[in-house]
Amino acid sequence: MLTLEARERLSKLCIKLRGDQKVRQIAEKAGVAHSAWSDWENGKGNLGESSAQRLAAYIGTTVGDLQIYLNAGYSLEEYLRIPQVKQLGREPTRLITSVEEVFVWMEELSLYDLARITAKGGEIIQELVTGSRSLDGNKNRNTKKKVTYKIIVQLVREHRAAALEAFLDAEVPGASERIEAIIRGQQPNPSEVALLTQVLPIDPDELYDMYLREFPSNGNRDNKAYVETGL
């Protein structure tokens, strides 16, 4: 019993095969009743085992290949290329249409290729989470965030221990209290920002851009050096 989609695919196949021929002509070549062929083209009827064997033999494929096409495993073009591919001594490729088929395919891969796929999968997941890639697979442009105090506060929350250790090493007065104040939303001063950039995943150039946005020129001091050293 053919599904609605399978009937639609069978219809496209039969119309493609017939071309400019009359239904009776193509049906006789394929060895099937012309009424059956007419039904297939119109998306009606079913495809019995005997008819499937004759149709597949006419095309030059196996019944299994035909079934894969009807189940959307091959595109129409891929299916009709199978006879040519087999003549060249190669196995036809088909689309993998389910996660389960992906798992089966992965079991045939080498450890090296599996590691590559795993790494790429992690990269794609990270891009989806950060918004740098959309669900349709395209990378979004202009998604890079500017470093702001809000981002620094968020990073301090995530890396509290490292931030506190940096403050203690630099002998910042009331180091623990200052970290807690920053976590509560209080803006760190430039010296504290300079310390935090050493332990937080912040691009120094982005940090410098933030400094220029937030603070005016500081006399004759080199602004970038000021941010990096906190002096």
Protein backbone atom coordinates (compact mmCIF):
# COMPACT_ATOMS: atom_id res chain seq x y z
CA MET A 1 0.00 0.00 0.00
CA LEU A 2 1.59 3.25 -1.12
CA THR A 3 1.53 6.34 1.04
CA LEU A 4 0.34 9.63 -0.42
CA GLU A 5 3.93 10.85 -0.70
CA ALA A 6 5.00 7.59 -2.39
CA ARG A 7 2.18 7.95 -4.92
CA GLU A 8 3.27 11.51 -5.69
CA ARG A 9 6.84 10.36 -6.19
CA LEU A 10 5.71 7.45 -8.38
CA SER A 11 3.64 9.89 -10.45
CA LYS A 12 6.65 12.16 -11.03
CA LEU A 13 8.77 9.15 -11.96
CA CYS A 14 6.27 7.82 -14.51
CA ILE A 15 5.71 11.23 -16.09
CA LYS A 16 9.47 11.70 -16.37
CA LEU A 17 9.97 8.27 -17.91
CA ARG A 18 7.16 8.66 -20.45
CA GLY A 19 8.28 12.02 -21.76
CA ASP A 20 6.60 12.58 -25.15
CA GLN A 21 5.53 8.96 -25.55
CA LYS A 22 1.96 7.79 -25.32
CA VAL A 23 0.92 5.93 -22.17
CA ARG A 24 0.33 2.72 -24.11
CA GLN A 25 3.82 2.84 -25.64
CA ILE A 26 5.69 3.29 -22.37
CA ALA A 27 3.49 0.75 -20.59
CA GLU A 28 4.25 -1.89 -23.22
CA LYS A 29 7.99 -1.20 -22.94
CA ALA A 30 7.85 -1.56 -19.19
CA GLY A 31 5.70 -4.67 -19.41
CA VAL A 32 2.77 -3.32 -17.37
CA ALA A 33 -0.86 -2.57 -18.15
CA HIS A 34 -1.41 0.87 -19.64
CA SER A 35 -4.27 1.43 -17.20
CA ALA A 36 -1.88 0.83 -14.32
CA TRP A 37 0.63 3.32 -15.75
CA SER A 38 -2.12 5.87 -16.23
CA ASP A 39 -3.17 5.40 -12.59
CA TRP A 40 0.42 5.83 -11.39
CA GLU A 41 0.81 9.09 -13.29
CA ASN A 42 -2.46 10.36 -11.79
CA GLY A 43 -1.41 9.43 -8.24
CA LYS A 44 -3.87 6.56 -8.01
CA GLY A 45 -3.66 2.83 -7.51
CA ASN A 46 -0.91 0.82 -5.90
CA LEU A 47 2.32 -0.80 -6.98
CA GLY A 48 2.22 -4.57 -6.60
CA GLU A 49 5.33 -6.70 -6.28
CA SER A 50 5.18 -7.92 -9.88
CA SER A 51 4.64 -4.42 -11.27
CA ALA A 52 7.43 -3.05 -9.09
CA GLN A 53 9.84 -5.69 -10.44
CA ARG A 54 8.92 -4.88 -14.05
CA LEU A 55 9.18 -1.12 -13.51
CA ALA A 56 12.52 -1.38 -11.73
CA ALA A 57 13.88 -3.72 -14.43
CA TYR A 58 12.78 -1.29 -17.15
CA ILE A 59 14.61 1.55 -15.42
CA GLY A 60 17.66 -0.63 -14.74
CA THR A 61 17.54 -0.66 -10.94
CA THR A 62 16.52 -3.09 -8.24
CA VAL A 63 13.15 -3.16 -6.52
CA GLY A 64 15.01 -2.11 -3.38
CA ASP A 65 16.32 1.00 -5.13
CA LEU A 66 12.81 1.78 -6.33
CA GLN A 67 11.47 1.41 -2.81
CA ILE A 68 14.17 3.72 -1.45
CA TYR A 69 13.17 6.34 -4.03
CA LEU A 70 9.49 6.03 -3.14
CA ASN A 71 10.41 6.49 0.54
CA ALA A 72 12.30 9.71 -0.32
CA GLY A 73 15.74 8.15 0.12
CA TYR A 74 16.73 9.23 -3.40
CA SER A 75 15.75 12.31 -5.32
CA LEU A 76 14.26 11.61 -8.76
CA GLU A 77 17.53 12.62 -10.43
CA GLU A 78 19.60 10.41 -8.11
CA TYR A 79 17.36 7.41 -8.72
CA LEU A 80 17.44 7.74 -12.49
CA ARG A 81 21.25 8.01 -12.41
CA ILE A 82 21.63 4.65 -10.66
CA PRO A 83 21.93 2.59 -13.89
CA GLN A 84 24.76 4.84 -15.10
CA VAL A 85 26.52 4.70 -11.74
CA LYS A 86 26.32 0.91 -11.64
CA GLN A 87 27.78 0.69 -15.15
CA LEU A 88 30.83 2.53 -13.82
CA GLY A 89 31.18 -0.09 -11.11
CA ARG A 90 30.27 2.22 -8.23
CA GLU A 91 27.63 1.91 -5.56
CA PRO A 92 24.91 4.58 -5.72
CA THR A 93 24.74 6.99 -2.83
CA ARG A 94 21.47 7.94 -1.21
CA LEU A 95 20.24 10.57 1.18
CA ILE A 96 20.28 9.81 4.88
CA THR A 97 16.84 10.87 6.08
CA SER A 98 16.74 9.96 9.78
CA VAL A 99 18.87 10.25 12.91
CA GLU A 100 18.82 6.46 13.24
CA GLU A 101 20.42 6.13 9.80
CA VAL A 102 23.07 8.63 10.84
CA PHE A 103 23.90 6.46 13.86
CA VAL A 104 24.26 3.39 11.65
CA TRP A 105 26.49 5.32 9.25
CA MET A 106 28.66 6.62 12.11
CA GLU A 107 29.35 3.07 13.30
CA GLU A 108 31.19 2.47 10.03
CA LEU A 109 33.53 5.43 10.49
CA SER A 110 37.07 5.45 11.84
CA LEU A 111 37.87 6.87 15.26
CA TYR A 112 39.55 9.84 13.60
CA ASP A 113 36.47 10.71 11.52
CA LEU A 114 34.20 10.26 14.54
CA ALA A 115 36.36 12.70 16.50
CA ARG A 116 36.13 15.23 13.67
CA ILE A 117 32.35 14.92 13.52
CA THR A 118 32.05 15.25 17.30
CA ALA A 119 34.23 18.37 17.31
CA LYS A 120 32.25 19.94 14.47
CA GLY A 121 28.98 19.08 16.19
CA GLY A 122 30.15 20.82 19.35
CA GLU A 123 31.14 23.86 17.33
CA ILE A 124 27.73 24.06 15.65
CA ILE A 125 25.91 23.65 18.98
CA GLN A 126 27.99 26.48 20.46
CA GLU A 127 27.14 28.71 17.50
CA LEU A 128 23.44 27.92 17.86
CA VAL A 129 23.53 28.68 21.58
CA THR A 130 25.37 31.99 21.11
CA GLY A 131 23.19 32.98 18.17
CA SER A 132 26.06 33.11 15.63
CA ARG A 133 24.33 30.37 13.62
CA SER A 134 20.64 30.11 12.74
CA LEU A 135 18.66 26.87 12.73
CA ASP A 136 18.76 26.77 8.92
CA GLY A 137 22.52 26.29 9.14
CA ASN A 138 23.54 29.78 8.06
CA LYS A 139 25.96 31.79 10.14
CA ASN A 140 24.56 35.08 11.35
CA ARG A 141 26.57 38.17 10.70
CA ASN A 142 27.23 41.05 13.06
CA THR A 143 26.47 38.98 16.16
CA LYS A 144 29.69 39.81 18.02
CA LYS A 145 28.85 41.49 21.31
CA LYS A 146 30.68 44.55 22.51
CA VAL A 147 32.30 44.19 25.90
CA THR A 148 30.21 46.14 28.41
CA TYR A 149 30.08 46.31 32.18
CA LYS A 150 27.02 44.07 32.05
CA ILE A 151 29.01 41.37 30.28
CA ILE A 152 31.90 41.74 32.73
CA VAL A 153 29.51 41.36 35.66
CA GLN A 154 28.09 38.21 34.08
CA LEU A 155 31.59 36.79 33.57
CA VAL A 156 32.58 37.57 37.16
CA ARG A 157 29.56 35.58 38.33
CA GLU A 158 30.65 32.64 36.20
CA HIS A 159 34.32 32.87 37.22
CA ARG A 160 33.99 34.09 40.79
CA ALA A 161 36.91 32.09 42.22
CA ALA A 162 39.36 33.19 39.53
CA ALA A 163 38.30 36.82 39.84
CA LEU A 164 38.69 36.76 43.62
CA GLU A 165 42.14 35.19 43.36
CA ALA A 166 43.24 37.95 40.95
CA PHE A 167 42.02 40.62 43.39
CA LEU A 168 43.75 38.94 46.34
CA ASP A 169 47.03 38.61 44.43
CA ALA A 170 46.88 42.30 43.56
CA GLU A 171 46.06 43.12 47.21
CA VAL A 172 42.89 44.97 46.29
CA PRO A 173 41.43 46.42 49.52
CA GLY A 174 38.37 44.45 50.58
CA ALA A 175 38.86 42.04 47.64
CA SER A 176 36.04 39.70 48.61
CA GLU A 177 33.60 42.55 49.23
CA ARG A 178 34.51 44.15 45.90
CA ILE A 179 33.83 40.92 43.99
CA GLU A 180 30.46 40.56 45.68
CA ALA A 181 29.64 44.18 44.91
CA ILE A 182 30.48 43.67 41.23
CA ILE A 183 28.32 40.53 41.13
CA ARG A 184 25.44 42.55 42.59
CA GLY A 185 25.79 44.95 39.67
CA GLN A 186 28.20 47.60 40.88
CA GLN A 187 30.49 48.76 38.11
CA PRO A 188 34.16 47.80 38.53
CA ASN A 189 36.62 50.65 38.27
CA PRO A 190 39.28 50.72 35.51
CA SER A 191 41.94 49.16 37.75
CA GLU A 192 39.59 46.30 38.63
CA VAL A 193 38.67 45.84 34.98
CA ALA A 194 42.37 45.55 34.16
CA LEU A 195 42.73 42.77 36.74
CA LEU A 196 39.62 40.95 35.58
CA THR A 197 40.74 40.87 31.96
CA GLN A 198 43.67 38.69 33.06
CA VAL A 199 41.38 35.91 34.28
CA LEU A 200 38.15 36.36 32.34
CA PRO A 201 37.61 35.35 28.69
CA ILE A 202 37.67 38.94 27.43
CA ASP A 203 39.46 40.12 24.29
CA PRO A 204 41.92 42.87 25.40
CA ASP A 205 41.16 44.88 22.27
CA GLU A 206 37.43 44.72 23.03
CA LEU A 207 38.18 45.75 26.59
CA TYR A 208 40.15 48.72 25.32
CA ASP A 209 37.22 49.73 23.12
CA MET A 210 34.98 49.58 26.18
CA TYR A 211 37.41 51.74 28.12
CA LEU A 212 37.38 54.38 25.37
CA ARG A 213 33.58 54.38 25.42
CA GLU A 214 33.32 54.65 29.19
CA PHE A 215 36.26 56.92 30.09
CA PRO A 216 37.62 60.11 28.53
CA SER A 217 41.26 60.47 27.60
CA ASN A 218 43.35 60.36 30.76
CA GLY A 219 45.77 63.24 30.24
CA ASN A 220 49.02 62.16 28.59
CA ARG A 221 48.67 58.53 29.65
CA ASP A 222 48.49 55.81 27.07
CA ASN A 223 44.90 54.67 27.46
CA LYS A 224 45.56 51.11 26.35
CA ALA A 225 48.45 50.70 28.76
CA TYR A 226 46.30 52.19 31.49
CA VAL A 227 43.61 49.61 30.95
CA GLU A 228 46.03 46.71 30.70
CA THR A 229 48.05 47.64 33.80
CA GLY A 230 45.44 49.41 35.86
CA LEU A 231 47.93 52.15 36.70
